Amino acid sequence: RLRNFSGKKNSYPSECGRFSISAVRDLTTGYDSNQPDNKA
């Protein structure tokens, strides 16, 4: 659910309650939004 938050692959949440999310790293799938190629 966290990986497909808006219904598509790698659509992680952009907020959690009132807190804005600036980056996501998923070491299960190898995704890292802080990397230029999104690879952990």
ModelCIF file with pLDDT and N, C-alpha, C, O atoms, coordinates in Angstrom:
data_MODEL
#
_entry.id   MODEL 
#
_entity.id                         1 
_entity.type                       polymer 
_entity.pdbx_number_of_molecules   1 
#
_entity_poly.entity_id                      1 
_entity_poly.type                           'polypeptide(L)' 
_entity_poly.nstd_linkage                   no 
_entity_poly.nstd_monomer                   no 
_entity_poly.pdbx_seq_one_letter_code       RLRNFSGKKNSYPSECGRFSISAVRDLTTGYDSNQPDNKA 
_entity_poly.pdbx_seq_one_letter_code_can   RLRNFSGKKNSYPSECGRFSISAVRDLTTGYDSNQPDNKA 
_entity_poly.pdbx_strand_id                 A 
#
loop_
_entity_poly_seq.entity_id 
_entity_poly_seq.num 
_entity_poly_seq.mon_id 
_entity_poly_seq.hetero 
1 1  ARG n 
1 2  LEU n 
1 3  ARG n 
1 4  ASN n 
1 5  PHE n 
1 6  SER n 
1 7  GLY n 
1 8  LYS n 
1 9  LYS n 
1 10 ASN n 
1 11 SER n 
1 12 TYR n 
1 13 PRO n 
1 14 SER n 
1 15 GLU n 
1 16 CYS n 
1 17 GLY n 
1 18 ARG n 
1 19 PHE n 
1 20 SER n 
1 21 ILE n 
1 22 SER n 
1 23 ALA n 
1 24 VAL n 
1 25 ARG n 
1 26 ASP n 
1 27 LEU n 
1 28 THR n 
1 29 THR n 
1 30 GLY n 
1 31 TYR n 
1 32 ASP n 
1 33 SER n 
1 34 ASN n 
1 35 GLN n 
1 36 PRO n 
1 37 ASP n 
1 38 ASN n 
1 39 LYS n 
1 40 ALA n 
#
_struct_asym.id          A 
_struct_asym.entity_id   1 
#
loop_
_ma_qa_metric.id 
_ma_qa_metric.mode 
_ma_qa_metric.name 
_ma_qa_metric.software_group_id 
_ma_qa_metric.type 
1 global pLDDT . pLDDT 
2 local  pLDDT . pLDDT 
#
_ma_qa_metric_global.metric_id      1 
_ma_qa_metric_global.metric_value   93.78 
_ma_qa_metric_global.model_id       1 
_ma_qa_metric_global.ordinal_id     1 
#
loop_
_ma_qa_metric_local.label_asym_id 
_ma_qa_metric_local.label_comp_id 
_ma_qa_metric_local.label_seq_id 
_ma_qa_metric_local.metric_id 
_ma_qa_metric_local.metric_value 
_ma_qa_metric_local.model_id 
_ma_qa_metric_local.ordinal_id 
A ARG 1  2 96.00 1 1  
A LEU 2  2 97.00 1 2  
A ARG 3  2 96.00 1 3  
A ASN 4  2 94.00 1 4  
A PHE 5  2 92.00 1 5  
A SER 6  2 83.00 1 6  
A GLY 7  2 81.00 1 7  
A LYS 8  2 79.00 1 8  
A LYS 9  2 78.00 1 9  
A ASN 10 2 74.00 1 10 
A SER 11 2 91.00 1 11 
A TYR 12 2 96.00 1 12 
A PRO 13 2 96.00 1 13 
A SER 14 2 96.00 1 14 
A GLU 15 2 97.00 1 15 
A CYS 16 2 97.00 1 16 
A GLY 17 2 96.00 1 17 
A ARG 18 2 97.00 1 18 
A PHE 19 2 97.00 1 19 
A SER 20 2 98.00 1 20 
A ILE 21 2 98.00 1 21 
A SER 22 2 97.00 1 22 
A ALA 23 2 97.00 1 23 
A VAL 24 2 97.00 1 24 
A ARG 25 2 97.00 1 25 
A ASP 26 2 97.00 1 26 
A LEU 27 2 97.00 1 27 
A THR 28 2 96.00 1 28 
A THR 29 2 95.00 1 29 
A GLY 30 2 95.00 1 30 
A TYR 31 2 95.00 1 31 
A ASP 32 2 96.00 1 32 
A SER 33 2 96.00 1 33 
A ASN 34 2 95.00 1 34 
A GLN 35 2 96.00 1 35 
A PRO 36 2 95.00 1 36 
A ASP 37 2 96.00 1 37 
A ASN 38 2 94.00 1 38 
A LYS 39 2 96.00 1 39 
A ALA 40 2 95.00 1 40 
#
loop_
_atom_site.group_PDB 
_atom_site.id 
_atom_site.type_symbol 
_atom_site.label_atom_id 
_atom_site.label_alt_id 
_atom_site.label_comp_id 
_atom_site.label_asym_id 
_atom_site.label_entity_id 
_atom_site.label_seq_id 
_atom_site.pdbx_PDB_ins_code 
_atom_site.Cartn_x 
_atom_site.Cartn_y 
_atom_site.Cartn_z 
_atom_site.occupancy 
_atom_site.B_iso_or_equiv 
_atom_site.pdbx_formal_charge 
_atom_site.auth_seq_id 
_atom_site.auth_comp_id 
_atom_site.auth_asym_id 
_atom_site.auth_atom_id 
_atom_site.pdbx_PDB_model_num 
ATOM 1   N N  . ARG A 1 1  ? 0.841  -1.201 0.000   1.00 96.00 ? 1  ARG A N  1 
ATOM 2   C CA . ARG A 1 1  ? 0.000  0.000  0.000   1.00 96.00 ? 1  ARG A CA 1 
ATOM 3   C C  . ARG A 1 1  ? 0.878  1.254  0.000   1.00 96.00 ? 1  ARG A C  1 
ATOM 4   O O  . ARG A 1 1  ? 0.582  2.220  -0.703  1.00 96.00 ? 1  ARG A O  1 
ATOM 5   N N  . LEU A 1 2  ? 1.959  1.239  0.789   1.00 97.00 ? 2  LEU A N  1 
ATOM 6   C CA . LEU A 1 2  ? 2.864  2.390  0.833   1.00 97.00 ? 2  LEU A CA 1 
ATOM 7   C C  . LEU A 1 2  ? 3.621  2.561  -0.483  1.00 97.00 ? 2  LEU A C  1 
ATOM 8   O O  . LEU A 1 2  ? 3.942  3.685  -0.870  1.00 97.00 ? 2  LEU A O  1 
ATOM 9   N N  . ARG A 1 3  ? 3.906  1.468  -1.164  1.00 96.00 ? 3  ARG A N  1 
ATOM 10  C CA . ARG A 1 3  ? 4.639  1.525  -2.439  1.00 96.00 ? 3  ARG A CA 1 
ATOM 11  C C  . ARG A 1 3  ? 3.751  1.969  -3.607  1.00 96.00 ? 3  ARG A C  1 
ATOM 12  O O  . ARG A 1 3  ? 4.244  2.480  -4.613  1.00 96.00 ? 3  ARG A O  1 
ATOM 13  N N  . ASN A 1 4  ? 2.475  1.774  -3.466  1.00 94.00 ? 4  ASN A N  1 
ATOM 14  C CA . ASN A 1 4  ? 1.522  2.066  -4.546  1.00 94.00 ? 4  ASN A CA 1 
ATOM 15  C C  . ASN A 1 4  ? 0.430  2.997  -4.029  1.00 94.00 ? 4  ASN A C  1 
ATOM 16  O O  . ASN A 1 4  ? -0.757 2.756  -4.244  1.00 94.00 ? 4  ASN A O  1 
ATOM 17  N N  . PHE A 1 5  ? 0.834  4.037  -3.361  1.00 92.00 ? 5  PHE A N  1 
ATOM 18  C CA . PHE A 1 5  ? -0.079 4.878  -2.590  1.00 92.00 ? 5  PHE A CA 1 
ATOM 19  C C  . PHE A 1 5  ? -1.154 5.537  -3.448  1.00 92.00 ? 5  PHE A C  1 
ATOM 20  O O  . PHE A 1 5  ? -2.294 5.682  -3.007  1.00 92.00 ? 5  PHE A O  1 
ATOM 21  N N  . SER A 1 6  ? -0.807 5.933  -4.655  1.00 83.00 ? 6  SER A N  1 
ATOM 22  C CA . SER A 1 6  ? -1.815 6.554  -5.514  1.00 83.00 ? 6  SER A CA 1 
ATOM 23  C C  . SER A 1 6  ? -2.299 5.600  -6.599  1.00 83.00 ? 6  SER A C  1 
ATOM 24  O O  . SER A 1 6  ? -2.900 6.018  -7.588  1.00 83.00 ? 6  SER A O  1 
ATOM 25  N N  . GLY A 1 7  ? -2.030 4.319  -6.401  1.00 81.00 ? 7  GLY A N  1 
ATOM 26  C CA . GLY A 1 7  ? -2.528 3.314  -7.331  1.00 81.00 ? 7  GLY A CA 1 
ATOM 27  C C  . GLY A 1 7  ? -1.571 2.906  -8.427  1.00 81.00 ? 7  GLY A C  1 
ATOM 28  O O  . GLY A 1 7  ? -1.883 2.012  -9.214  1.00 81.00 ? 7  GLY A O  1 
ATOM 29  N N  . LYS A 1 8  ? -0.401 3.546  -8.501  1.00 79.00 ? 8  LYS A N  1 
ATOM 30  C CA . LYS A 1 8  ? 0.577  3.116  -9.498  1.00 79.00 ? 8  LYS A CA 1 
ATOM 31  C C  . LYS A 1 8  ? 1.897  2.790  -8.813  1.00 79.00 ? 8  LYS A C  1 
ATOM 32  O O  . LYS A 1 8  ? 2.161  3.240  -7.698  1.00 79.00 ? 8  LYS A O  1 
ATOM 33  N N  . LYS A 1 9  ? 2.722  2.000  -9.498  1.00 78.00 ? 9  LYS A N  1 
ATOM 34  C CA . LYS A 1 9  ? 3.986  1.527  -8.933  1.00 78.00 ? 9  LYS A CA 1 
ATOM 35  C C  . LYS A 1 9  ? 4.891  2.695  -8.547  1.00 78.00 ? 9  LYS A C  1 
ATOM 36  O O  . LYS A 1 9  ? 4.970  3.699  -9.255  1.00 78.00 ? 9  LYS A O  1 
ATOM 37  N N  . ASN A 1 10 ? 5.565  2.544  -7.419  1.00 74.00 ? 10 ASN A N  1 
ATOM 38  C CA . ASN A 1 10 ? 6.477  3.563  -6.883  1.00 74.00 ? 10 ASN A CA 1 
ATOM 39  C C  . ASN A 1 10 ? 5.800  4.921  -6.712  1.00 74.00 ? 10 ASN A C  1 
ATOM 40  O O  . ASN A 1 10 ? 6.400  5.965  -6.971  1.00 74.00 ? 10 ASN A O  1 
ATOM 41  N N  . SER A 1 11 ? 4.562  4.891  -6.279  1.00 91.00 ? 11 SER A N  1 
ATOM 42  C CA . SER A 1 11 ? 3.849  6.141  -5.966  1.00 91.00 ? 11 SER A CA 1 
ATOM 43  C C  . SER A 1 11 ? 3.697  6.216  -4.455  1.00 91.00 ? 11 SER A C  1 
ATOM 44  O O  . SER A 1 11 ? 2.610  6.026  -3.909  1.00 91.00 ? 11 SER A O  1 
ATOM 45  N N  . TYR A 1 12 ? 4.800  6.495  -3.804  1.00 96.00 ? 12 TYR A N  1 
ATOM 46  C CA . TYR A 1 12 ? 4.849  6.553  -2.344  1.00 96.00 ? 12 TYR A CA 1 
ATOM 47  C C  . TYR A 1 12 ? 4.087  7.789  -1.857  1.00 96.00 ? 12 TYR A C  1 
ATOM 48  O O  . TYR A 1 12 ? 3.893  8.737  -2.618  1.00 96.00 ? 12 TYR A O  1 
ATOM 49  N N  . PRO A 1 13 ? 3.658  7.782  -0.597  1.00 96.00 ? 13 PRO A N  1 
ATOM 50  C CA . PRO A 1 13 ? 2.949  8.957  -0.075  1.00 96.00 ? 13 PRO A CA 1 
ATOM 51  C C  . PRO A 1 13 ? 3.847  10.196 -0.088  1.00 96.00 ? 13 PRO A C  1 
ATOM 52  O O  . PRO A 1 13 ? 5.064  10.093 0.064   1.00 96.00 ? 13 PRO A O  1 
ATOM 53  N N  . SER A 1 14 ? 3.234  11.361 -0.272  1.00 96.00 ? 14 SER A N  1 
ATOM 54  C CA . SER A 1 14 ? 3.965  12.627 -0.243  1.00 96.00 ? 14 SER A CA 1 
ATOM 55  C C  . SER A 1 14 ? 3.772  13.348 1.083   1.00 96.00 ? 14 SER A C  1 
ATOM 56  O O  . SER A 1 14 ? 4.402  14.372 1.346   1.00 96.00 ? 14 SER A O  1 
ATOM 57  N N  . GLU A 1 15 ? 2.898  12.804 1.909   1.00 97.00 ? 15 GLU A N  1 
ATOM 58  C CA . GLU A 1 15 ? 2.670  13.366 3.239   1.00 97.00 ? 15 GLU A CA 1 
ATOM 59  C C  . GLU A 1 15 ? 2.145  12.276 4.162   1.00 97.00 ? 15 GLU A C  1 
ATOM 60  O O  . GLU A 1 15 ? 1.670  11.226 3.728   1.00 97.00 ? 15 GLU A O  1 
ATOM 61  N N  . CYS A 1 16 ? 2.251  12.568 5.436   1.00 97.00 ? 16 CYS A N  1 
ATOM 62  C CA . CYS A 1 16 ? 1.738  11.674 6.479   1.00 97.00 ? 16 CYS A CA 1 
ATOM 63  C C  . CYS A 1 16 ? 1.091  12.581 7.526   1.00 97.00 ? 16 CYS A C  1 
ATOM 64  O O  . CYS A 1 16 ? 1.781  13.210 8.328   1.00 97.00 ? 16 CYS A O  1 
ATOM 65  N N  . GLY A 1 17 ? -0.238 12.640 7.508   1.00 96.00 ? 17 GLY A N  1 
ATOM 66  C CA . GLY A 1 17 ? -0.913 13.607 8.364   1.00 96.00 ? 17 GLY A CA 1 
ATOM 67  C C  . GLY A 1 17 ? -0.490 14.998 7.933   1.00 96.00 ? 17 GLY A C  1 
ATOM 68  O O  . GLY A 1 17 ? -0.550 15.325 6.747   1.00 96.00 ? 17 GLY A O  1 
ATOM 69  N N  . ARG A 1 18 ? -0.066 15.818 8.876   1.00 97.00 ? 18 ARG A N  1 
ATOM 70  C CA . ARG A 1 18 ? 0.361  17.187 8.561   1.00 97.00 ? 18 ARG A CA 1 
ATOM 71  C C  . ARG A 1 18 ? 1.835  17.276 8.167   1.00 97.00 ? 18 ARG A C  1 
ATOM 72  O O  . ARG A 1 18 ? 2.351  18.371 7.944   1.00 97.00 ? 18 ARG A O  1 
ATOM 73  N N  . PHE A 1 19 ? 2.503  16.151 8.082   1.00 97.00 ? 19 PHE A N  1 
ATOM 74  C CA . PHE A 1 19 ? 3.942  16.132 7.814   1.00 97.00 ? 19 PHE A CA 1 
ATOM 75  C C  . PHE A 1 19 ? 4.232  15.831 6.343   1.00 97.00 ? 19 PHE A C  1 
ATOM 76  O O  . PHE A 1 19 ? 3.785  14.819 5.802   1.00 97.00 ? 19 PHE A O  1 
ATOM 77  N N  . SER A 1 20 ? 4.979  16.717 5.714   1.00 98.00 ? 20 SER A N  1 
ATOM 78  C CA . SER A 1 20 ? 5.346  16.568 4.315   1.00 98.00 ? 20 SER A CA 1 
ATOM 79  C C  . SER A 1 20 ? 6.557  15.641 4.183   1.00 98.00 ? 20 SER A C  1 
ATOM 80  O O  . SER A 1 20 ? 7.515  15.755 4.948   1.00 98.00 ? 20 SER A O  1 
ATOM 81  N N  . ILE A 1 21 ? 6.512  14.736 3.224   1.00 98.00 ? 21 ILE A N  1 
ATOM 82  C CA . ILE A 1 21 ? 7.608  13.795 2.978   1.00 98.00 ? 21 ILE A CA 1 
ATOM 83  C C  . ILE A 1 21 ? 8.480  14.354 1.862   1.00 98.00 ? 21 ILE A C  1 
ATOM 84  O O  . ILE A 1 21 ? 7.986  14.689 0.785   1.00 98.00 ? 21 ILE A O  1 
ATOM 85  N N  . SER A 1 22 ? 9.792  14.453 2.129   1.00 97.00 ? 22 SER A N  1 
ATOM 86  C CA . SER A 1 22 ? 10.708 15.010 1.140   1.00 97.00 ? 22 SER A CA 1 
ATOM 87  C C  . SER A 1 22 ? 11.500 13.940 0.393   1.00 97.00 ? 22 SER A C  1 
ATOM 88  O O  . SER A 1 22 ? 12.045 14.222 -0.674  1.00 97.00 ? 22 SER A O  1 
ATOM 89  N N  . ALA A 1 23 ? 11.578 12.715 0.926   1.00 97.00 ? 23 ALA A N  1 
ATOM 90  C CA . ALA A 1 23 ? 12.325 11.648 0.248   1.00 97.00 ? 23 ALA A CA 1 
ATOM 91  C C  . ALA A 1 23 ? 11.851 10.290 0.750   1.00 97.00 ? 23 ALA A C  1 
ATOM 92  O O  . ALA A 1 23 ? 11.359 10.158 1.871   1.00 97.00 ? 23 ALA A O  1 
ATOM 93  N N  . VAL A 1 24 ? 12.012 9.283  -0.107  1.00 97.00 ? 24 VAL A N  1 
ATOM 94  C CA . VAL A 1 24 ? 11.660 7.903  0.232   1.00 97.00 ? 24 VAL A CA 1 
ATOM 95  C C  . VAL A 1 24 ? 12.783 6.995  -0.241  1.00 97.00 ? 24 VAL A C  1 
ATOM 96  O O  . VAL A 1 24 ? 13.275 7.125  -1.362  1.00 97.00 ? 24 VAL A O  1 
ATOM 97  N N  . ARG A 1 25 ? 13.187 6.063  0.640   1.00 97.00 ? 25 ARG A N  1 
ATOM 98  C CA . ARG A 1 25 ? 14.150 5.028  0.256   1.00 97.00 ? 25 ARG A CA 1 
ATOM 99  C C  . ARG A 1 25 ? 13.534 3.678  0.607   1.00 97.00 ? 25 ARG A C  1 
ATOM 100 O O  . ARG A 1 25 ? 13.169 3.434  1.756   1.00 97.00 ? 25 ARG A O  1 
ATOM 101 N N  . ASP A 1 26 ? 13.423 2.816  -0.378  1.00 97.00 ? 26 ASP A N  1 
ATOM 102 C CA . ASP A 1 26 ? 12.819 1.491  -0.188  1.00 97.00 ? 26 ASP A CA 1 
ATOM 103 C C  . ASP A 1 26 ? 13.893 0.443  -0.490  1.00 97.00 ? 26 ASP A C  1 
ATOM 104 O O  . ASP A 1 26 ? 14.203 0.182  -1.652  1.00 97.00 ? 26 ASP A O  1 
ATOM 105 N N  . LEU A 1 27 ? 14.448 -0.145 0.547   1.00 97.00 ? 27 LEU A N  1 
ATOM 106 C CA . LEU A 1 27 ? 15.528 -1.115 0.353   1.00 97.00 ? 27 LEU A CA 1 
ATOM 107 C C  . LEU A 1 27 ? 15.021 -2.512 0.037   1.00 97.00 ? 27 LEU A C  1 
ATOM 108 O O  . LEU A 1 27 ? 15.813 -3.442 -0.109  1.00 97.00 ? 27 LEU A O  1 
ATOM 109 N N  . THR A 1 28 ? 13.707 -2.665 -0.068  1.00 96.00 ? 28 THR A N  1 
ATOM 110 C CA . THR A 1 28 ? 13.141 -3.922 -0.559  1.00 96.00 ? 28 THR A CA 1 
ATOM 111 C C  . THR A 1 28 ? 13.149 -3.926 -2.084  1.00 96.00 ? 28 THR A C  1 
ATOM 112 O O  . THR A 1 28 ? 13.481 -4.932 -2.710  1.00 96.00 ? 28 THR A O  1 
ATOM 113 N N  . THR A 1 29 ? 12.780 -2.791 -2.674  1.00 95.00 ? 29 THR A N  1 
ATOM 114 C CA . THR A 1 29 ? 12.700 -2.695 -4.138  1.00 95.00 ? 29 THR A CA 1 
ATOM 115 C C  . THR A 1 29 ? 13.921 -2.041 -4.767  1.00 95.00 ? 29 THR A C  1 
ATOM 116 O O  . THR A 1 29 ? 14.129 -2.159 -5.974  1.00 95.00 ? 29 THR A O  1 
ATOM 117 N N  . GLY A 1 30 ? 14.737 -1.350 -3.963  1.00 95.00 ? 30 GLY A N  1 
ATOM 118 C CA . GLY A 1 30 ? 15.913 -0.671 -4.497  1.00 95.00 ? 30 GLY A CA 1 
ATOM 119 C C  . GLY A 1 30 ? 15.640 0.749  -4.964  1.00 95.00 ? 30 GLY A C  1 
ATOM 120 O O  . GLY A 1 30 ? 16.427 1.315  -5.722  1.00 95.00 ? 30 GLY A O  1 
ATOM 121 N N  . TYR A 1 31 ? 14.533 1.329  -4.519  1.00 95.00 ? 31 TYR A N  1 
ATOM 122 C CA . TYR A 1 31 ? 14.144 2.682  -4.916  1.00 95.00 ? 31 TYR A CA 1 
ATOM 123 C C  . TYR A 1 31 ? 14.677 3.698  -3.911  1.00 95.00 ? 31 TYR A C  1 
ATOM 124 O O  . TYR A 1 31 ? 14.614 3.467  -2.704  1.00 95.00 ? 31 TYR A O  1 
ATOM 125 N N  . ASP A 1 32 ? 15.205 4.832  -4.405  1.00 96.00 ? 32 ASP A N  1 
ATOM 126 C CA . ASP A 1 32 ? 15.640 5.923  -3.537  1.00 96.00 ? 32 ASP A CA 1 
ATOM 127 C C  . ASP A 1 32 ? 15.428 7.233  -4.279  1.00 96.00 ? 32 ASP A C  1 
ATOM 128 O O  . ASP A 1 32 ? 16.144 7.536  -5.234  1.00 96.00 ? 32 ASP A O  1 
ATOM 129 N N  . SER A 1 33 ? 14.442 8.011  -3.839  1.00 96.00 ? 33 SER A N  1 
ATOM 130 C CA . SER A 1 33 ? 14.101 9.261  -4.524  1.00 96.00 ? 33 SER A CA 1 
ATOM 131 C C  . SER A 1 33 ? 15.191 10.319 -4.381  1.00 96.00 ? 33 SER A C  1 
ATOM 132 O O  . SER A 1 33 ? 15.159 11.326 -5.088  1.00 96.00 ? 33 SER A O  1 
ATOM 133 N N  . ASN A 1 34 ? 16.144 10.116 -3.491  1.00 95.00 ? 34 ASN A N  1 
ATOM 134 C CA . ASN A 1 34 ? 17.250 11.074 -3.318  1.00 95.00 ? 34 ASN A CA 1 
ATOM 135 C C  . ASN A 1 34 ? 18.375 10.862 -4.324  1.00 95.00 ? 34 ASN A C  1 
ATOM 136 O O  . ASN A 1 34 ? 19.286 11.685 -4.418  1.00 95.00 ? 34 ASN A O  1 
ATOM 137 N N  . GLN A 1 35 ? 18.318 9.781  -5.065  1.00 96.00 ? 35 GLN A N  1 
ATOM 138 C CA . GLN A 1 35 ? 19.365 9.485  -6.038  1.00 96.00 ? 35 GLN A CA 1 
ATOM 139 C C  . GLN A 1 35 ? 18.925 9.931  -7.434  1.00 96.00 ? 35 GLN A C  1 
ATOM 140 O O  . GLN A 1 35 ? 17.748 9.818  -7.775  1.00 96.00 ? 35 GLN A O  1 
ATOM 141 N N  . PRO A 1 36 ? 19.855 10.433 -8.238  1.00 95.00 ? 36 PRO A N  1 
ATOM 142 C CA . PRO A 1 36 ? 19.485 10.932 -9.577  1.00 95.00 ? 36 PRO A CA 1 
ATOM 143 C C  . PRO A 1 36 ? 18.750 9.894  -10.432 1.00 95.00 ? 36 PRO A C  1 
ATOM 144 O O  . PRO A 1 36 ? 17.847 10.241 -11.194 1.00 95.00 ? 36 PRO A O  1 
ATOM 145 N N  . ASP A 1 37 ? 19.137 8.628  -10.303 1.00 96.00 ? 37 ASP A N  1 
ATOM 146 C CA . ASP A 1 37 ? 18.492 7.574  -11.092 1.00 96.00 ? 37 ASP A CA 1 
ATOM 147 C C  . ASP A 1 37 ? 17.420 6.817  -10.292 1.00 96.00 ? 37 ASP A C  1 
ATOM 148 O O  . ASP A 1 37 ? 16.894 5.803  -10.752 1.00 96.00 ? 37 ASP A O  1 
ATOM 149 N N  . ASN A 1 38 ? 17.105 7.324  -9.087  1.00 94.00 ? 38 ASN A N  1 
ATOM 150 C CA . ASN A 1 38 ? 16.116 6.704  -8.179  1.00 94.00 ? 38 ASN A CA 1 
ATOM 151 C C  . ASN A 1 38 ? 16.508 5.291  -7.746  1.00 94.00 ? 38 ASN A C  1 
ATOM 152 O O  . ASN A 1 38 ? 15.646 4.517  -7.329  1.00 94.00 ? 38 ASN A O  1 
ATOM 153 N N  . LYS A 1 39 ? 17.792 4.943  -7.839  1.00 96.00 ? 39 LYS A N  1 
ATOM 154 C CA . LYS A 1 39 ? 18.253 3.620  -7.426  1.00 96.00 ? 39 LYS A CA 1 
ATOM 155 C C  . LYS A 1 39 ? 19.018 3.741  -6.115  1.00 96.00 ? 39 LYS A C  1 
ATOM 156 O O  . LYS A 1 39 ? 19.920 4.567  -5.978  1.00 96.00 ? 39 LYS A O  1 
ATOM 157 N N  . ALA A 1 40 ? 18.640 2.904  -5.156  1.00 95.00 ? 40 ALA A N  1 
ATOM 158 C CA . ALA A 1 40 ? 19.291 2.914  -3.846  1.00 95.00 ? 40 ALA A CA 1 
ATOM 159 C C  . ALA A 1 40 ? 20.758 2.538  -3.980  1.00 95.00 ? 40 ALA A C  1 
ATOM 160 O O  . ALA A 1 40 ? 21.477 2.491  -2.982  1.00 95.00 ? 40 ALA A O  1 
#
